[in-house]
């Protein structure tokens, strides 16, 4: 994808994200840690489609968007249904500036772990940036 196509797609993503930020079907649980010069985020996403996961930064916030599809629906009547499905948006406040160019993400056992090194400078970015990382789905 060319840089201008990427920029247009990313602007569309954030416009869509802003529109849906309060209208996602559910908001997954997350833990955020600052540890040894990095921010580590664990997001509970059991059953999420790894290819749908997108991570971005907009000033002082980390955004995680994606979808969890209900693959187990039954034609019978529902006795109890607590698991939430559909599109989700998670917006997290960043406690410090990060180096968004060196972020990484791993999706294992239903947990998305995002690692963001702390930035060497003290200012937050003023532009929207998608963290260009591969979300690895591991089975072990």
N, C-alpha and C. Protein backbone atom coordinates (compact mmCIF):
# COMPACT_ATOMS: atom_id res chain seq x y z
N UNK A 1 0.86 -1.18 0.00
CA UNK A 1 0.00 0.00 0.00
C UNK A 1 0.90 1.23 0.00
N UNK A 2 0.63 2.14 -0.91
CA UNK A 2 1.40 3.38 -0.97
C UNK A 2 1.12 4.24 0.26
N UNK A 3 2.06 5.14 0.57
CA UNK A 3 1.96 5.98 1.77
C UNK A 3 0.69 6.83 1.76
N UNK A 4 0.34 7.44 0.58
CA UNK A 4 -0.86 8.28 0.52
C UNK A 4 -2.13 7.45 0.68
N UNK A 5 -2.13 6.22 0.15
CA UNK A 5 -3.29 5.33 0.36
C UNK A 5 -3.40 4.94 1.83
N UNK A 6 -2.24 4.68 2.45
CA UNK A 6 -2.24 4.34 3.87
C UNK A 6 -2.77 5.51 4.70
N UNK A 7 -2.31 6.71 4.39
CA UNK A 7 -2.76 7.89 5.13
C UNK A 7 -4.26 8.09 4.97
N UNK A 8 -4.78 7.92 3.76
CA UNK A 8 -6.23 8.07 3.53
C UNK A 8 -7.00 7.01 4.28
N UNK A 9 -6.53 5.77 4.24
CA UNK A 9 -7.19 4.68 4.95
C UNK A 9 -7.16 4.93 6.46
N UNK A 10 -6.03 5.43 6.94
CA UNK A 10 -5.92 5.67 8.38
C UNK A 10 -6.81 6.83 8.82
N UNK A 11 -6.91 7.88 8.01
CA UNK A 11 -7.82 8.98 8.33
C UNK A 11 -9.26 8.48 8.35
N UNK A 12 -9.63 7.60 7.40
CA UNK A 12 -10.96 7.02 7.39
C UNK A 12 -11.18 6.17 8.64
N UNK A 13 -10.17 5.39 9.02
CA UNK A 13 -10.25 4.56 10.22
C UNK A 13 -10.53 5.42 11.45
N UNK A 14 -9.78 6.52 11.62
CA UNK A 14 -9.98 7.35 12.80
C UNK A 14 -11.28 8.13 12.76
N UNK A 15 -11.73 8.54 11.58
CA UNK A 15 -13.04 9.19 11.48
C UNK A 15 -14.13 8.20 11.89
N UNK A 16 -14.00 6.97 11.41
CA UNK A 16 -14.96 5.93 11.76
C UNK A 16 -14.87 5.61 13.25
N UNK A 17 -13.64 5.56 13.76
CA UNK A 17 -13.44 5.29 15.18
C UNK A 17 -14.07 6.36 16.05
N UNK A 18 -13.89 7.63 15.69
CA UNK A 18 -14.47 8.72 16.46
C UNK A 18 -16.00 8.63 16.45
N UNK A 19 -16.54 8.25 15.31
CA UNK A 19 -18.00 8.13 15.20
C UNK A 19 -18.51 6.99 16.08
N UNK A 20 -17.74 5.89 16.15
CA UNK A 20 -18.20 4.71 16.89
C UNK A 20 -17.69 4.65 18.32
N UNK A 21 -16.85 5.57 18.73
CA UNK A 21 -16.17 5.45 20.03
C UNK A 21 -17.13 5.18 21.17
N UNK A 22 -18.30 5.75 21.13
CA UNK A 22 -19.26 5.52 22.21
C UNK A 22 -20.36 4.56 21.79
N UNK A 23 -20.23 3.99 20.58
CA UNK A 23 -21.29 3.14 20.08
C UNK A 23 -20.82 1.73 19.75
N UNK A 24 -19.60 1.34 20.20
CA UNK A 24 -19.16 -0.03 19.99
C UNK A 24 -20.08 -0.97 20.74
N UNK A 25 -20.16 -2.18 20.28
CA UNK A 25 -21.06 -3.14 20.92
C UNK A 25 -20.61 -3.46 22.34
N UNK A 26 -19.30 -3.51 22.55
CA UNK A 26 -18.80 -3.74 23.90
C UNK A 26 -17.40 -3.16 24.01
N UNK A 27 -16.94 -3.04 25.24
CA UNK A 27 -15.60 -2.53 25.50
C UNK A 27 -14.85 -3.58 26.32
N UNK A 28 -13.82 -4.20 25.75
CA UNK A 28 -13.09 -5.25 26.46
C UNK A 28 -12.33 -4.70 27.66
N UNK A 29 -12.06 -5.57 28.63
CA UNK A 29 -11.29 -5.20 29.81
C UNK A 29 -9.81 -5.10 29.45
N UNK A 30 -9.10 -4.20 30.15
CA UNK A 30 -7.67 -4.00 29.88
C UNK A 30 -6.92 -3.68 31.16
N UNK A 31 -5.66 -4.09 31.20
CA UNK A 31 -4.72 -3.71 32.25
C UNK A 31 -3.59 -2.94 31.59
N UNK A 32 -3.11 -1.87 32.24
CA UNK A 32 -2.02 -1.05 31.70
C UNK A 32 -0.94 -0.94 32.77
N UNK A 33 0.30 -1.25 32.38
CA UNK A 33 1.44 -1.20 33.29
C UNK A 33 2.53 -0.34 32.68
N UNK A 34 3.29 0.35 33.53
CA UNK A 34 4.52 1.01 33.12
C UNK A 34 5.62 0.22 33.79
N UNK A 35 6.52 -0.35 32.96
CA UNK A 35 7.51 -1.28 33.49
C UNK A 35 8.79 -1.21 32.65
N UNK A 36 9.93 -0.93 33.29
CA UNK A 36 11.24 -0.96 32.65
C UNK A 36 11.30 -0.21 31.32
N UNK A 37 10.85 1.03 31.33
CA UNK A 37 10.96 1.87 30.15
C UNK A 37 9.95 1.57 29.06
N UNK A 38 8.85 0.95 29.41
CA UNK A 38 7.83 0.65 28.41
C UNK A 38 6.45 0.61 29.05
N UNK A 39 5.44 0.78 28.22
CA UNK A 39 4.06 0.61 28.65
C UNK A 39 3.59 -0.73 28.09
N UNK A 40 3.02 -1.55 28.94
CA UNK A 40 2.51 -2.86 28.54
C UNK A 40 1.00 -2.85 28.78
N UNK A 41 0.25 -3.22 27.75
CA UNK A 41 -1.21 -3.25 27.81
C UNK A 41 -1.67 -4.66 27.52
N UNK A 42 -2.50 -5.22 28.41
CA UNK A 42 -3.13 -6.52 28.19
C UNK A 42 -4.62 -6.28 28.00
N UNK A 43 -5.17 -6.75 26.87
CA UNK A 43 -6.58 -6.56 26.57
C UNK A 43 -7.22 -7.94 26.44
N UNK A 44 -8.30 -8.15 27.18
CA UNK A 44 -9.01 -9.43 27.19
C UNK A 44 -9.90 -9.52 25.95
N UNK A 45 -9.52 -10.40 24.98
CA UNK A 45 -10.22 -10.47 23.71
C UNK A 45 -10.48 -11.91 23.27
N UNK A 46 -10.84 -12.77 24.18
CA UNK A 46 -11.07 -14.17 23.81
C UNK A 46 -12.07 -14.25 22.66
N UNK A 47 -11.69 -15.00 21.62
CA UNK A 47 -12.56 -15.20 20.47
C UNK A 47 -12.53 -14.10 19.43
N UNK A 48 -11.71 -13.07 19.62
CA UNK A 48 -11.64 -11.98 18.63
C UNK A 48 -10.94 -12.48 17.38
N UNK A 49 -11.30 -11.92 16.25
CA UNK A 49 -10.67 -12.22 14.98
C UNK A 49 -9.35 -11.45 14.92
N UNK A 50 -8.22 -12.15 14.94
CA UNK A 50 -6.91 -11.51 14.98
C UNK A 50 -6.70 -10.55 13.81
N UNK A 51 -7.24 -10.88 12.63
CA UNK A 51 -7.05 -10.02 11.47
C UNK A 51 -7.84 -8.72 11.58
N UNK A 52 -8.86 -8.67 12.44
CA UNK A 52 -9.65 -7.45 12.57
C UNK A 52 -9.03 -6.46 13.54
N UNK A 53 -8.04 -6.86 14.29
CA UNK A 53 -7.48 -6.00 15.34
C UNK A 53 -6.63 -4.89 14.73
N UNK A 54 -6.92 -3.66 15.15
CA UNK A 54 -6.17 -2.47 14.73
C UNK A 54 -5.81 -1.69 15.98
N UNK A 55 -4.60 -1.15 16.00
CA UNK A 55 -4.11 -0.39 17.14
C UNK A 55 -3.60 0.94 16.63
N UNK A 56 -3.99 2.04 17.30
CA UNK A 56 -3.52 3.35 16.89
C UNK A 56 -3.37 4.29 18.07
N UNK A 57 -2.67 5.37 17.82
CA UNK A 57 -2.45 6.39 18.85
C UNK A 57 -2.93 7.72 18.30
N UNK A 58 -3.65 8.47 19.13
CA UNK A 58 -4.10 9.81 18.79
C UNK A 58 -3.83 10.68 20.01
N UNK A 59 -2.79 11.48 19.94
CA UNK A 59 -2.35 12.32 21.05
C UNK A 59 -2.09 11.48 22.28
N UNK A 60 -2.91 11.56 23.31
CA UNK A 60 -2.64 10.87 24.57
C UNK A 60 -3.42 9.57 24.75
N UNK A 61 -3.93 8.99 23.64
CA UNK A 61 -4.77 7.80 23.76
C UNK A 61 -4.32 6.67 22.86
N UNK A 62 -4.50 5.47 23.34
CA UNK A 62 -4.28 4.26 22.58
C UNK A 62 -5.65 3.71 22.23
N UNK A 63 -5.86 3.38 20.95
CA UNK A 63 -7.13 2.83 20.51
C UNK A 63 -6.92 1.41 20.04
N UNK A 64 -7.80 0.51 20.44
CA UNK A 64 -7.81 -0.85 19.94
C UNK A 64 -9.21 -1.09 19.40
N UNK A 65 -9.29 -1.48 18.13
CA UNK A 65 -10.59 -1.78 17.55
C UNK A 65 -10.52 -3.15 16.90
N UNK A 66 -11.67 -3.78 16.82
CA UNK A 66 -11.73 -5.11 16.21
C UNK A 66 -13.13 -5.66 16.30
N UNK A 67 -13.22 -6.98 16.18
CA UNK A 67 -14.53 -7.63 16.21
C UNK A 67 -14.41 -9.02 16.81
N UNK A 68 -15.46 -9.42 17.50
CA UNK A 68 -15.58 -10.79 18.00
C UNK A 68 -16.88 -11.33 17.42
N UNK A 69 -16.78 -12.39 16.62
CA UNK A 69 -17.92 -12.96 15.92
C UNK A 69 -18.48 -14.13 16.72
N UNK A 70 -19.80 -14.17 16.83
CA UNK A 70 -20.47 -15.27 17.51
C UNK A 70 -20.53 -16.46 16.56
N UNK A 71 -19.61 -17.38 16.73
CA UNK A 71 -19.55 -18.56 15.87
C UNK A 71 -20.36 -19.72 16.44
N UNK A 72 -20.94 -19.53 17.60
CA UNK A 72 -21.61 -20.64 18.30
C UNK A 72 -23.10 -20.43 18.46
N UNK A 73 -23.69 -19.57 17.64
CA UNK A 73 -25.12 -19.33 17.79
C UNK A 73 -25.88 -20.60 17.43
N UNK A 74 -26.94 -20.82 18.12
CA UNK A 74 -27.75 -22.02 17.96
C UNK A 74 -29.16 -21.62 17.55
N UNK A 75 -29.83 -22.46 16.76
CA UNK A 75 -31.20 -22.12 16.38
C UNK A 75 -32.18 -22.26 17.55
N UNK A 76 -31.75 -22.85 18.65
CA UNK A 76 -32.62 -23.03 19.82
C UNK A 76 -32.78 -21.75 20.61
N UNK A 77 -33.62 -21.80 21.63
CA UNK A 77 -33.81 -20.62 22.48
C UNK A 77 -32.62 -20.46 23.42
N UNK A 78 -32.34 -19.23 23.77
CA UNK A 78 -31.19 -18.92 24.62
C UNK A 78 -31.61 -19.02 26.08
N UNK A 79 -30.86 -19.80 26.84
CA UNK A 79 -31.11 -19.92 28.28
C UNK A 79 -30.31 -18.86 29.04
N UNK A 80 -29.05 -18.67 28.64
CA UNK A 80 -28.19 -17.67 29.27
C UNK A 80 -27.18 -17.21 28.24
N UNK A 81 -26.98 -15.89 28.11
CA UNK A 81 -26.02 -15.36 27.14
C UNK A 81 -25.34 -14.14 27.76
N UNK A 82 -24.08 -14.30 28.14
CA UNK A 82 -23.33 -13.24 28.78
C UNK A 82 -22.16 -12.73 27.94
N UNK A 83 -21.68 -13.52 27.00
CA UNK A 83 -20.54 -13.12 26.18
C UNK A 83 -21.00 -12.11 25.15
N UNK A 84 -20.27 -11.01 25.07
CA UNK A 84 -20.63 -9.95 24.13
C UNK A 84 -19.88 -10.14 22.82
N UNK A 85 -20.59 -9.94 21.72
CA UNK A 85 -20.02 -10.10 20.39
C UNK A 85 -20.23 -8.83 19.58
N UNK A 86 -19.54 -8.76 18.47
CA UNK A 86 -19.67 -7.64 17.56
C UNK A 86 -18.41 -6.80 17.55
N UNK A 87 -18.53 -5.60 17.00
CA UNK A 87 -17.40 -4.69 16.94
C UNK A 87 -17.13 -4.11 18.33
N UNK A 88 -15.87 -3.82 18.59
CA UNK A 88 -15.53 -3.18 19.86
C UNK A 88 -14.52 -2.08 19.62
N UNK A 89 -14.51 -1.16 20.56
CA UNK A 89 -13.54 -0.06 20.59
C UNK A 89 -13.07 0.07 22.02
N UNK A 90 -11.77 0.10 22.21
CA UNK A 90 -11.20 0.34 23.53
C UNK A 90 -10.29 1.56 23.41
N UNK A 91 -10.54 2.57 24.22
CA UNK A 91 -9.75 3.80 24.24
C UNK A 91 -9.08 3.88 25.60
N UNK A 92 -7.76 3.92 25.60
CA UNK A 92 -6.99 3.96 26.84
C UNK A 92 -6.14 5.22 26.89
N UNK A 93 -6.11 5.87 28.04
CA UNK A 93 -5.27 7.04 28.26
C UNK A 93 -3.82 6.57 28.43
N UNK A 94 -2.91 7.17 27.68
CA UNK A 94 -1.49 6.83 27.82
C UNK A 94 -0.89 7.65 28.96
N UNK A 95 -0.25 7.00 29.93
CA UNK A 95 0.32 7.74 31.06
C UNK A 95 1.59 8.51 30.73
N UNK A 96 2.20 8.22 29.57
CA UNK A 96 3.44 8.90 29.17
C UNK A 96 3.58 8.79 27.65
N UNK A 97 4.39 9.66 27.05
CA UNK A 97 4.63 9.56 25.60
C UNK A 97 5.32 8.25 25.26
N UNK A 98 4.97 7.69 24.09
CA UNK A 98 5.55 6.42 23.67
C UNK A 98 6.22 6.57 22.30
N UNK A 99 7.10 5.63 22.01
CA UNK A 99 7.75 5.55 20.71
C UNK A 99 6.89 4.62 19.85
N UNK A 100 5.91 5.21 19.14
CA UNK A 100 4.93 4.42 18.41
C UNK A 100 5.54 3.63 17.25
N UNK A 101 6.74 4.00 16.81
CA UNK A 101 7.37 3.28 15.70
C UNK A 101 7.95 1.93 16.12
N UNK A 102 8.06 1.69 17.40
CA UNK A 102 8.67 0.43 17.87
C UNK A 102 7.72 -0.38 18.74
N UNK A 103 6.42 -0.23 18.54
CA UNK A 103 5.44 -1.01 19.28
C UNK A 103 5.33 -2.42 18.74
N UNK A 104 4.83 -3.31 19.58
CA UNK A 104 4.61 -4.70 19.14
C UNK A 104 3.34 -5.21 19.80
N UNK A 105 2.78 -6.25 19.20
CA UNK A 105 1.57 -6.85 19.75
C UNK A 105 1.59 -8.35 19.53
N UNK A 106 1.12 -9.08 20.53
CA UNK A 106 0.98 -10.53 20.44
C UNK A 106 -0.40 -10.89 20.95
N UNK A 107 -1.11 -11.73 20.21
CA UNK A 107 -2.43 -12.21 20.60
C UNK A 107 -2.31 -13.69 20.92
N UNK A 108 -2.40 -14.02 22.22
CA UNK A 108 -2.21 -15.40 22.67
C UNK A 108 -3.20 -15.71 23.79
N UNK A 109 -3.82 -16.86 23.69
CA UNK A 109 -4.75 -17.34 24.72
C UNK A 109 -5.84 -16.32 25.04
N UNK A 110 -6.30 -15.60 24.02
CA UNK A 110 -7.39 -14.64 24.20
C UNK A 110 -6.98 -13.30 24.77
N UNK A 111 -5.67 -13.07 24.94
CA UNK A 111 -5.17 -11.80 25.47
C UNK A 111 -4.30 -11.13 24.41
N UNK A 112 -4.63 -9.87 24.08
CA UNK A 112 -3.79 -9.06 23.20
C UNK A 112 -2.83 -8.30 24.10
N UNK A 113 -1.53 -8.51 23.90
CA UNK A 113 -0.51 -7.80 24.68
C UNK A 113 0.19 -6.82 23.75
N UNK A 114 0.10 -5.53 24.08
CA UNK A 114 0.72 -4.46 23.31
C UNK A 114 1.87 -3.91 24.15
N UNK A 115 3.05 -3.82 23.56
CA UNK A 115 4.21 -3.28 24.25
C UNK A 115 4.67 -2.03 23.51
N UNK A 116 4.75 -0.91 24.23
CA UNK A 116 5.13 0.37 23.65
C UNK A 116 6.29 0.95 24.44
N UNK A 117 7.47 1.09 23.81
CA UNK A 117 8.59 1.71 24.53
C UNK A 117 8.26 3.17 24.86
N UNK A 118 8.70 3.63 26.01
CA UNK A 118 8.53 5.04 26.36
C UNK A 118 9.38 5.88 25.41
N UNK A 119 8.87 7.04 25.04
CA UNK A 119 9.57 7.93 24.11
C UNK A 119 10.73 8.62 24.83
N UNK A 120 11.80 8.90 24.10
CA UNK A 120 12.92 9.62 24.71
C UNK A 120 12.60 11.09 24.93
N UNK A 121 11.51 11.60 24.36
CA UNK A 121 11.12 13.00 24.52
C UNK A 121 9.90 13.07 25.45
N UNK A 122 9.61 14.25 25.93
CA UNK A 122 8.54 14.41 26.93
C UNK A 122 7.23 14.90 26.34
N UNK A 123 7.11 14.96 25.02
CA UNK A 123 5.87 15.47 24.44
C UNK A 123 5.09 14.36 23.76
N UNK A 124 3.77 14.48 23.84
CA UNK A 124 2.89 13.52 23.19
C UNK A 124 2.78 13.87 21.72
N UNK A 125 2.53 12.86 20.87
CA UNK A 125 2.35 13.17 19.44
C UNK A 125 1.09 14.01 19.22
N UNK A 126 1.13 14.85 18.21
CA UNK A 126 -0.05 15.67 17.90
C UNK A 126 -0.74 15.17 16.65
N UNK A 127 -0.27 14.07 16.10
CA UNK A 127 -0.88 13.51 14.90
C UNK A 127 -1.44 12.12 15.21
N UNK A 128 -2.33 11.69 14.37
CA UNK A 128 -2.86 10.34 14.49
C UNK A 128 -1.87 9.38 13.86
N UNK A 129 -1.61 8.30 14.53
CA UNK A 129 -0.66 7.32 14.05
C UNK A 129 -1.20 5.92 14.30
N UNK A 130 -1.19 5.12 13.25
CA UNK A 130 -1.50 3.71 13.47
C UNK A 130 -0.20 3.03 13.84
N UNK A 131 -0.24 2.24 14.86
CA UNK A 131 0.95 1.50 15.25
C UNK A 131 1.08 0.37 14.24
N UNK A 132 2.09 0.47 13.41
CA UNK A 132 2.28 -0.50 12.34
C UNK A 132 2.99 -1.70 12.91
N UNK A 133 2.21 -2.66 13.30
CA UNK A 133 2.76 -3.86 13.88
C UNK A 133 1.96 -5.05 13.40
N UNK A 134 2.58 -6.18 13.44
CA UNK A 134 1.89 -7.40 13.08
C UNK A 134 1.33 -7.99 14.37
N UNK A 135 0.04 -8.29 14.36
CA UNK A 135 -0.55 -8.96 15.51
C UNK A 135 -0.35 -10.45 15.29
N UNK A 136 0.49 -11.05 16.12
CA UNK A 136 0.78 -12.47 16.00
C UNK A 136 -0.19 -13.26 16.85
N UNK A 137 -0.83 -14.25 16.24
CA UNK A 137 -1.69 -15.14 17.01
C UNK A 137 -0.90 -16.40 17.26
N UNK A 138 -0.61 -16.67 18.52
CA UNK A 138 0.15 -17.86 18.86
C UNK A 138 -0.75 -18.83 19.61
N UNK A 139 -0.44 -20.09 19.48
CA UNK A 139 -1.27 -21.12 20.10
C UNK A 139 -0.68 -21.64 21.39
N UNK A 140 0.58 -21.37 21.66
CA UNK A 140 1.19 -21.91 22.87
C UNK A 140 1.43 -20.86 23.90
